[in-house]
């Protein structure tokens, strides 16, 4: 039996370096540059590429990938501990070569791509010479693949794609998109989809608009796309026809762990600011930190944060242990369901403790609050994941045909009396 809450010393040294590097060199980028994904921007590249080179030198680039693809082949537990730090900065994932959706798209290409597809799309993506988009969600049905309408028809040696896609992240910057389309309309629900590689400059890939998350801000980053007879060669199919749902699952399991640990990084950031404020601000004759209601907010936040962190780390450990996402499906759904609530709770308390300053754009809390709601929708809504948890939990239990529960005290007492009859 082995049960340990310590990180091995050599990897802890790496984590210590990552934490210092992110804090000193990467987090400042969040304040002076807009979008980490603008790979065609020379000013962005002048700032980011030297940092990426330093990460490569430390052999910490794209650690989720196997060595033959330029990574370290780290398991989910190591990746979780890394992402907890990277989550503090919007630029950190791209500096370390593990940004979504590119990391998941790279995993899809590595598993399902042909040699030609890997040469054309995968290697430039791994090198961060280009970025990509995962085009799945649709405006009329969200992320429910059973109601997708965007179709691809095979006409001769080409796929012709028609339909709408919604919230295709970074579509306006992407060099290619992985598009989930209906190719087998008469098949069972989860065998109707196929995944197809679509170069972004393909005629008929029309961005209706770029949607911005939140009330206002800069240019939107989530594309609303109309595929109007967008035509690509037959060999742009990823995997087999009707295998799209399985292809998508390749990127979602591990991706949810990464999202969760990066969210912990944001939660800790808000928590640290909350504690600093409580220990700095005087009101009504004493520090905020001396007020019992403030102490309660800090205690509740720490408890929720630590509970969530341990649940995520245990889930990561189980993935590494079983090498089977299906065995950990309940745990992954549990962290996905818990994540937005914990994030929202801690950030809301941080806003309250900061008072009027907390609701301004001079602090990051309003953006974090919106992000907490995004986390409750992205990669499947919270309610769907709760249903999954409940169904998985109930598989480990069974009902009774008796009139009363098996734990009914009169029944148990009668059984106990019979067991010890003659001795009491």
Protein backbone atom coordinates (compact mmCIF):
# COMPACT_ATOMS: atom_id res chain seq x y z
CA UNK A 1 0.00 0.00 0.00
CA UNK A 2 1.21 3.48 -0.83
CA UNK A 3 -0.42 6.73 0.19
CA UNK A 4 1.53 9.96 0.16
CA UNK A 5 0.79 13.67 0.04
CA UNK A 6 4.35 14.74 -0.78
CA UNK A 7 5.79 15.63 -4.18
CA UNK A 8 9.05 13.93 -5.08
CA UNK A 9 11.96 16.33 -4.38
CA UNK A 10 13.25 16.56 -7.95
CA UNK A 11 9.86 17.46 -9.38
CA UNK A 12 9.25 19.89 -6.51
CA UNK A 13 12.36 21.77 -7.66
CA UNK A 14 10.78 22.06 -11.09
CA UNK A 15 7.53 23.32 -9.56
CA UNK A 16 9.44 25.89 -7.50
CA UNK A 17 11.15 27.17 -10.65
CA UNK A 18 7.83 27.27 -12.54
CA UNK A 19 6.19 29.27 -9.75
CA UNK A 20 8.99 31.84 -9.66
CA UNK A 21 9.20 32.05 -13.45
CA UNK A 22 5.45 32.50 -13.90
CA UNK A 23 5.24 35.13 -11.17
CA UNK A 24 8.23 37.18 -12.31
CA UNK A 25 8.27 36.75 -16.08
CA UNK A 26 4.86 35.61 -17.30
CA UNK A 27 2.16 37.22 -15.15
CA UNK A 28 3.26 40.75 -16.15
CA UNK A 29 2.35 39.91 -19.77
CA UNK A 30 -1.31 39.68 -18.74
CA UNK A 31 -1.20 43.41 -17.96
CA UNK A 32 0.43 44.70 -21.14
CA UNK A 33 -0.70 42.46 -23.99
CA UNK A 34 -4.14 41.40 -25.11
CA UNK A 35 -4.36 37.90 -26.56
CA UNK A 36 -1.74 35.17 -26.02
CA UNK A 37 -2.90 33.42 -29.21
CA UNK A 38 -1.97 36.22 -31.65
CA UNK A 39 0.95 34.27 -33.12
CA UNK A 40 1.18 36.60 -36.13
CA UNK A 41 1.80 39.65 -33.94
CA UNK A 42 5.55 40.49 -33.91
CA UNK A 43 5.24 42.42 -30.63
CA UNK A 44 3.63 39.42 -28.95
CA UNK A 45 6.30 37.11 -30.36
CA UNK A 46 9.12 39.37 -29.16
CA UNK A 47 7.78 38.94 -25.62
CA UNK A 48 6.63 35.33 -25.68
CA UNK A 49 9.18 33.44 -27.76
CA UNK A 50 12.18 34.07 -25.45
CA UNK A 51 10.09 32.77 -22.52
CA UNK A 52 9.09 29.71 -24.53
CA UNK A 53 12.76 29.10 -25.31
CA UNK A 54 13.57 29.17 -21.60
CA UNK A 55 10.80 26.66 -20.91
CA UNK A 56 12.13 24.36 -23.65
CA UNK A 57 15.60 24.63 -22.18
CA UNK A 58 14.22 23.42 -18.83
CA UNK A 59 12.47 20.55 -20.65
CA UNK A 60 9.06 21.73 -19.50
CA UNK A 61 7.53 22.36 -22.94
CA UNK A 62 4.23 20.59 -23.76
CA UNK A 63 4.73 18.12 -20.92
CA UNK A 64 1.37 16.46 -21.65
CA UNK A 65 2.78 15.04 -24.90
CA UNK A 66 4.92 11.96 -25.32
CA UNK A 67 8.68 12.44 -25.89
CA UNK A 68 8.42 11.59 -29.60
CA UNK A 69 6.21 14.68 -29.94
CA UNK A 70 8.55 16.91 -27.96
CA UNK A 71 6.98 16.56 -24.50
CA UNK A 72 7.79 14.70 -21.32
CA UNK A 73 4.85 12.28 -21.24
CA UNK A 74 3.87 13.44 -17.77
CA UNK A 75 0.91 11.76 -16.12
CA UNK A 76 -2.12 13.71 -14.98
CA UNK A 77 -0.88 14.16 -11.41
CA UNK A 78 2.31 15.95 -12.45
CA UNK A 79 0.36 17.95 -15.02
CA UNK A 80 -2.18 18.91 -12.36
CA UNK A 81 0.53 20.28 -10.07
CA UNK A 82 1.99 22.25 -12.97
CA UNK A 83 -1.36 23.61 -14.13
CA UNK A 84 -2.18 24.80 -10.63
CA UNK A 85 0.65 27.31 -11.08
CA UNK A 86 0.05 28.06 -14.76
CA UNK A 87 -3.58 28.89 -14.04
CA UNK A 88 -2.53 32.14 -12.36
CA UNK A 89 -1.70 33.71 -15.74
CA UNK A 90 -3.56 33.75 -19.05
CA UNK A 91 -0.20 33.72 -20.86
CA UNK A 92 1.39 30.88 -18.87
CA UNK A 93 -0.20 27.93 -20.74
CA UNK A 94 1.00 29.21 -24.12
CA UNK A 95 4.48 29.94 -22.70
CA UNK A 96 4.60 26.29 -21.58
CA UNK A 97 3.06 24.89 -24.79
CA UNK A 98 -0.07 23.45 -23.18
CA UNK A 99 -2.79 25.97 -24.06
CA UNK A 100 -6.36 24.94 -24.81
CA UNK A 101 -7.78 24.18 -27.32
CA UNK A 102 -4.44 23.53 -29.05
CA UNK A 103 -3.30 20.93 -26.50
CA UNK A 104 -6.43 18.84 -26.99
CA UNK A 105 -6.33 19.25 -30.76
CA UNK A 106 -2.71 18.12 -30.75
CA UNK A 107 -3.69 14.99 -28.81
CA UNK A 108 -6.38 14.25 -31.40
CA UNK A 109 -3.92 14.68 -34.27
CA UNK A 110 -1.31 12.57 -32.50
CA UNK A 111 -3.79 9.72 -32.04
CA UNK A 112 -5.91 9.90 -35.20
CA UNK A 113 -3.90 11.94 -37.70
CA UNK A 114 -2.31 10.47 -40.80
CA UNK A 115 1.42 11.11 -41.43
CA UNK A 116 0.50 13.83 -43.92
CA UNK A 117 -1.95 15.47 -41.47
CA UNK A 118 0.67 15.42 -38.71
CA UNK A 119 3.29 16.99 -40.96
CA UNK A 120 0.97 19.75 -42.16
CA UNK A 121 -0.98 20.52 -38.98
CA UNK A 122 0.50 18.86 -35.89
CA UNK A 123 4.14 19.93 -35.95
CA UNK A 124 3.49 23.65 -36.51
CA UNK A 125 0.85 23.47 -33.76
CA UNK A 126 3.31 21.86 -31.32
CA UNK A 127 5.85 24.55 -32.13
CA UNK A 128 3.24 27.29 -31.52
CA UNK A 129 3.88 28.62 -34.99
CA UNK A 130 0.11 28.39 -35.48
CA UNK A 131 -2.99 28.05 -33.29
CA UNK A 132 -6.17 26.05 -33.87
CA UNK A 133 -9.86 25.87 -33.01
CA UNK A 134 -12.23 23.08 -31.96
CA UNK A 135 -15.53 23.73 -33.72
CA UNK A 136 -18.20 21.59 -32.08
CA UNK A 137 -20.88 23.55 -30.21
CA UNK A 138 -23.93 24.72 -32.19
CA UNK A 139 -26.23 27.67 -31.45
CA UNK A 140 -29.46 25.67 -31.50
CA UNK A 141 -28.33 22.78 -29.31
CA UNK A 142 -25.27 23.76 -27.30
CA UNK A 143 -22.87 20.85 -26.84
CA UNK A 144 -25.46 18.06 -27.19
CA UNK A 145 -24.19 15.98 -30.13
CA UNK A 146 -27.57 14.28 -30.51
CA UNK A 147 -29.08 17.47 -31.94
CA UNK A 148 -26.21 18.70 -34.11
CA UNK A 149 -27.27 19.87 -37.56
CA UNK A 150 -24.00 20.93 -39.22
CA UNK A 151 -23.43 18.30 -41.93
CA UNK A 152 -20.71 17.09 -44.23
CA UNK A 153 -21.56 15.23 -47.43
CA UNK A 154 -19.01 13.30 -49.42
CA UNK A 155 -19.16 14.53 -53.00
CA UNK A 156 -16.62 12.67 -55.08
CA UNK A 157 -13.26 13.10 -53.36
CA UNK A 158 -14.32 16.06 -51.20
CA UNK A 159 -16.35 16.78 -48.08
CA UNK A 160 -18.84 19.66 -48.43
CA UNK A 161 -19.67 21.16 -45.03
CA UNK A 162 -22.81 23.17 -44.36
CA UNK A 163 -24.20 24.52 -41.10
CA UNK A 164 -23.53 26.77 -38.13
CA UNK A 165 -21.11 26.44 -35.22
CA UNK A 166 -21.02 28.53 -32.07
CA UNK A 167 -18.25 29.40 -29.60
CA UNK A 168 -15.37 28.09 -31.71
CA UNK A 169 -12.57 29.55 -29.58
CA UNK A 170 -9.85 31.51 -31.42
CA UNK A 171 -11.39 30.75 -34.82
CA UNK A 172 -10.35 34.21 -36.09
CA UNK A 173 -6.70 33.45 -35.27
CA UNK A 174 -6.67 29.74 -36.11
CA UNK A 175 -4.85 28.21 -39.07
CA UNK A 176 -7.18 25.20 -38.97
CA UNK A 177 -10.31 23.96 -37.24
CA UNK A 178 -11.34 20.49 -36.15
CA UNK A 179 -15.04 20.45 -37.01
CA UNK A 180 -17.58 18.00 -35.62
CA UNK A 181 -20.14 17.29 -38.34
CA UNK A 182 -22.99 14.88 -39.02
CA UNK A 183 -21.93 12.41 -41.72
CA UNK A 184 -24.09 9.42 -40.74
CA UNK A 185 -27.57 10.92 -40.08
CA UNK A 186 -29.29 7.52 -39.83
CA UNK A 187 -26.82 5.97 -37.35
CA UNK A 188 -27.37 5.75 -33.57
CA UNK A 189 -26.99 9.17 -31.84
CA UNK A 190 -23.35 8.83 -30.80
CA UNK A 191 -22.23 7.40 -34.14
CA UNK A 192 -23.57 10.15 -36.41
CA UNK A 193 -20.62 12.53 -36.03
CA UNK A 194 -17.27 12.66 -37.74
CA UNK A 195 -14.30 14.94 -37.11
CA UNK A 196 -12.83 16.76 -40.11
CA UNK A 197 -9.80 19.01 -40.42
CA UNK A 198 -10.70 22.30 -42.09
CA UNK A 199 -8.02 24.88 -42.97
CA UNK A 200 -9.25 28.28 -41.81
CA UNK A 201 -8.72 29.85 -45.24
CA UNK A 202 -11.08 27.35 -46.91
CA UNK A 203 -13.72 29.22 -48.98
CA UNK A 204 -17.06 28.97 -47.22
CA UNK A 205 -15.65 29.22 -43.66
CA UNK A 206 -17.42 32.44 -42.73
CA UNK A 207 -17.12 33.99 -39.26
CA UNK A 208 -20.48 35.65 -38.65
CA UNK A 209 -19.04 37.46 -35.62
CA UNK A 210 -16.57 37.02 -32.80
CA UNK A 211 -18.38 36.82 -29.48
CA UNK A 212 -16.91 38.47 -26.39
CA UNK A 213 -17.53 36.89 -22.99
CA UNK A 214 -18.77 39.42 -20.45
CA UNK A 215 -20.41 42.81 -20.56
CA UNK A 216 -17.84 44.66 -22.65
CA UNK A 217 -14.20 44.52 -23.61
CA UNK A 218 -11.89 44.07 -26.57
CA UNK A 219 -12.42 41.93 -29.66
CA UNK A 220 -14.31 38.70 -29.10
CA UNK A 221 -12.45 35.42 -29.20
CA UNK A 222 -15.30 32.93 -29.66
CA UNK A 223 -16.33 32.50 -33.27
CA UNK A 224 -19.88 32.14 -34.52
CA UNK A 225 -19.21 30.39 -37.83
CA UNK A 226 -21.33 29.65 -40.88
CA UNK A 227 -19.92 26.82 -42.99
CA UNK A 228 -21.35 27.56 -46.41
CA UNK A 229 -20.40 24.67 -48.70
CA UNK A 230 -16.88 24.68 -47.24
CA UNK A 231 -15.09 21.99 -49.22
CA UNK A 232 -12.05 19.98 -48.11
CA UNK A 233 -10.45 16.80 -49.48
CA UNK A 234 -11.70 13.39 -48.37
CA UNK A 235 -8.38 12.66 -46.59
CA UNK A 236 -9.04 15.46 -44.07
CA UNK A 237 -11.19 13.07 -42.05
CA UNK A 238 -9.79 12.31 -38.57
CA UNK A 239 -10.27 8.67 -37.63
CA UNK A 240 -13.19 6.81 -39.17
CA UNK A 241 -16.61 7.96 -40.31
CA UNK A 242 -18.99 8.10 -37.36
CA UNK A 243 -16.11 8.13 -34.86
CA UNK A 244 -16.34 11.83 -34.06
CA UNK A 245 -17.70 11.39 -30.55
CA UNK A 246 -14.81 9.07 -29.64
CA UNK A 247 -12.36 11.54 -31.19
CA UNK A 248 -13.81 14.36 -29.07
CA UNK A 249 -13.53 12.29 -25.88
CA UNK A 250 -9.77 12.00 -26.51
CA UNK A 251 -9.38 15.66 -25.64
CA UNK A 252 -12.07 16.16 -23.00
CA UNK A 253 -11.11 13.88 -20.10
CA UNK A 254 -7.62 15.19 -19.46
CA UNK A 255 -8.68 18.66 -20.53
CA UNK A 256 -11.19 18.86 -17.68
CA UNK A 257 -8.44 18.03 -15.17
CA UNK A 258 -6.26 20.77 -16.66
CA UNK A 259 -9.13 23.26 -16.52
CA UNK A 260 -9.81 22.35 -12.90
CA UNK A 261 -6.24 22.82 -11.74
CA UNK A 262 -5.84 26.08 -13.65
CA UNK A 263 -9.04 27.22 -11.99
CA UNK A 264 -7.49 26.40 -8.62
CA UNK A 265 -4.67 28.74 -9.63
CA UNK A 266 -7.24 31.52 -10.17
CA UNK A 267 -9.07 30.65 -6.93
CA UNK A 268 -5.82 30.84 -4.96
CA UNK A 269 -5.03 34.16 -6.59
CA UNK A 270 -8.37 35.59 -5.46
CA UNK A 271 -7.93 34.03 -2.01
CA UNK A 272 -4.46 35.55 -1.56
CA UNK A 273 -5.81 38.98 -2.48
CA UNK A 274 -8.69 38.50 -0.05
CA UNK A 275 -6.32 37.70 2.82
CA UNK A 276 -4.03 40.64 2.00
CA UNK A 277 -7.02 43.01 2.00
CA UNK A 278 -8.32 41.65 5.31
CA UNK A 279 -4.91 42.22 6.89
CA UNK A 280 -4.55 45.74 5.41
CA UNK A 281 -7.93 47.48 5.71
CA UNK A 282 -9.12 49.13 8.94
CA UNK A 283 -12.81 49.87 9.55
CA UNK A 284 -14.93 50.40 12.64
CA UNK A 285 -11.87 50.52 14.88
CA UNK A 286 -10.08 47.33 13.80
CA UNK A 287 -8.68 45.34 10.91
CA UNK A 288 -11.12 43.51 8.65
CA UNK A 289 -9.20 40.39 9.65
CA UNK A 290 -10.42 40.85 13.23
CA UNK A 291 -14.09 40.81 12.21
CA UNK A 292 -15.69 37.43 12.81
CA UNK A 293 -17.79 37.57 9.64
CA UNK A 294 -14.65 38.22 7.59
CA UNK A 295 -12.91 35.37 9.39
CA UNK A 296 -15.84 33.14 8.46
CA UNK A 297 -15.49 34.11 4.78
CA UNK A 298 -11.78 33.36 4.83
CA UNK A 299 -12.29 30.04 6.64
CA UNK A 300 -15.08 28.94 4.27
CA UNK A 301 -12.98 29.88 1.26
CA UNK A 302 -9.92 27.96 2.46
CA UNK A 303 -11.97 24.87 3.32
CA UNK A 304 -13.76 24.81 -0.06
CA UNK A 305 -10.54 25.48 -1.95
CA UNK A 306 -8.61 22.70 -0.21
CA UNK A 307 -11.45 20.19 -0.53
CA UNK A 308 -11.71 20.89 -4.25
CA UNK A 309 -7.93 20.73 -4.76
CA UNK A 310 -7.68 17.33 -3.06
CA UNK A 311 -10.59 15.98 -5.12
CA UNK A 312 -8.88 17.08 -8.34
CA UNK A 313 -5.49 15.65 -7.32
CA UNK A 314 -7.06 12.34 -6.34
CA UNK A 315 -8.85 12.21 -9.70
CA UNK A 316 -5.56 12.90 -11.50
CA UNK A 317 -3.91 10.13 -9.46
CA UNK A 318 -6.72 7.71 -10.38
CA UNK A 319 -6.32 8.49 -14.09
CA UNK A 320 -2.61 7.70 -13.83
CA UNK A 321 -3.39 4.56 -11.83
CA UNK A 322 -6.06 3.05 -14.08
CA UNK A 323 -5.09 4.48 -17.50
CA UNK A 324 -8.79 4.41 -18.31
CA UNK A 325 -10.94 7.55 -18.37
CA UNK A 326 -14.13 5.49 -18.21
CA UNK A 327 -13.15 4.19 -14.76
CA UNK A 328 -12.73 7.77 -13.56
CA UNK A 329 -15.77 9.21 -15.32
CA UNK A 330 -17.62 9.87 -12.07
CA UNK A 331 -14.64 11.68 -10.53
CA UNK A 332 -14.05 13.83 -13.62
CA UNK A 333 -17.72 14.85 -13.70
CA UNK A 334 -17.59 15.59 -9.96
CA UNK A 335 -14.73 18.04 -10.28
CA UNK A 336 -16.38 19.63 -13.30
CA UNK A 337 -19.58 20.13 -11.29
CA UNK A 338 -17.80 21.44 -8.19
CA UNK A 339 -15.44 23.80 -10.01
CA UNK A 340 -17.73 26.75 -10.89
CA UNK A 341 -19.34 26.85 -7.44
CA UNK A 342 -16.06 26.97 -5.53
CA UNK A 343 -14.65 29.53 -7.96
CA UNK A 344 -17.77 31.70 -7.70
CA UNK A 345 -17.92 31.47 -3.90
CA UNK A 346 -14.32 32.50 -3.29
CA UNK A 347 -14.34 35.33 -5.85
CA UNK A 348 -17.65 36.67 -4.51
CA UNK A 349 -16.19 36.84 -0.99
CA UNK A 350 -13.05 38.53 -2.32
CA UNK A 351 -15.22 41.18 -3.97
CA UNK A 352 -17.15 41.76 -0.74
CA UNK A 353 -14.00 42.16 1.34
CA UNK A 354 -12.54 44.61 -1.19
CA UNK A 355 -15.73 46.71 -1.13
CA UNK A 356 -16.21 49.22 -3.94
CA UNK A 357 -12.70 48.57 -5.31
CA UNK A 358 -13.65 44.93 -5.83
CA UNK A 359 -16.28 45.68 -8.47
CA UNK A 360 -14.07 47.94 -10.57
CA UNK A 361 -11.84 47.02 -13.50
CA UNK A 362 -8.85 47.94 -11.31
CA UNK A 363 -9.11 44.50 -9.73
CA UNK A 364 -9.54 41.17 -11.59
CA UNK A 365 -12.56 39.89 -9.69
CA UNK A 366 -15.38 40.80 -12.10
CA UNK A 367 -13.58 38.97 -14.91
CA UNK A 368 -13.03 36.00 -12.61
CA UNK A 369 -16.69 36.03 -11.63
CA UNK A 370 -17.76 35.86 -15.29
CA UNK A 371 -15.20 33.11 -15.80
CA UNK A 372 -16.76 31.10 -12.98
CA UNK A 373 -20.04 31.09 -14.92
CA UNK A 374 -18.18 30.10 -18.09
CA UNK A 375 -16.75 27.12 -16.20
CA UNK A 376 -20.30 26.03 -15.42
CA UNK A 377 -21.12 25.90 -19.14
CA UNK A 378 -17.93 24.99 -21.03
CA UNK A 379 -17.20 21.30 -21.72
CA UNK A 380 -20.73 20.36 -20.72
CA UNK A 381 -23.01 22.21 -18.27
CA UNK A 382 -22.79 21.51 -14.55
CA UNK A 383 -26.23 19.87 -14.51
CA UNK A 384 -25.18 17.23 -17.06
CA UNK A 385 -22.12 16.34 -15.01
CA UNK A 386 -24.21 16.03 -11.84
CA UNK A 387 -26.48 13.58 -13.65
CA UNK A 388 -23.39 11.57 -14.64
CA UNK A 389 -22.14 11.54 -11.05
CA UNK A 390 -25.52 10.39 -9.73
CA UNK A 391 -25.84 7.60 -12.30
CA UNK A 392 -22.32 6.36 -11.67
CA UNK A 393 -22.81 6.45 -7.89
CA UNK A 394 -26.11 4.56 -8.08
CA UNK A 395 -24.43 1.75 -10.02
CA UNK A 396 -22.57 0.88 -6.82
CA UNK A 397 -25.78 0.55 -4.82
CA UNK A 398 -28.93 -1.53 -5.03
CA UNK A 399 -32.51 -1.22 -3.84
CA UNK A 400 -34.61 -3.58 -1.77
CA UNK A 401 -37.91 -5.30 -2.44
CA UNK A 402 -38.76 -5.32 1.28
CA UNK A 403 -41.44 -3.03 2.63
CA UNK A 404 -38.95 -1.27 4.89
CA UNK A 405 -35.29 -0.28 4.27
CA UNK A 406 -32.57 -2.85 5.02
CA UNK A 407 -31.37 -0.45 7.73
CA UNK A 408 -34.78 -0.24 9.42
CA UNK A 409 -33.92 -0.32 13.13
CA UNK A 410 -36.70 -2.73 14.30
CA UNK A 411 -35.57 -5.25 11.69
CA UNK A 412 -31.90 -4.87 12.64
CA UNK A 413 -32.73 -5.14 16.35
CA UNK A 414 -34.68 -8.36 15.79
CA UNK A 415 -31.75 -9.79 13.80
CA UNK A 416 -29.30 -8.79 16.54
CA UNK A 417 -31.43 -10.43 19.24
CA UNK A 418 -31.57 -13.63 17.21
CA UNK A 419 -27.81 -13.57 16.62
CA UNK A 420 -27.01 -13.29 20.30
CA UNK A 421 -29.94 -15.36 21.58
CA UNK A 422 -29.02 -17.19 24.79
CA UNK A 423 -26.07 -14.89 25.49
CA UNK A 424 -27.91 -11.76 26.59
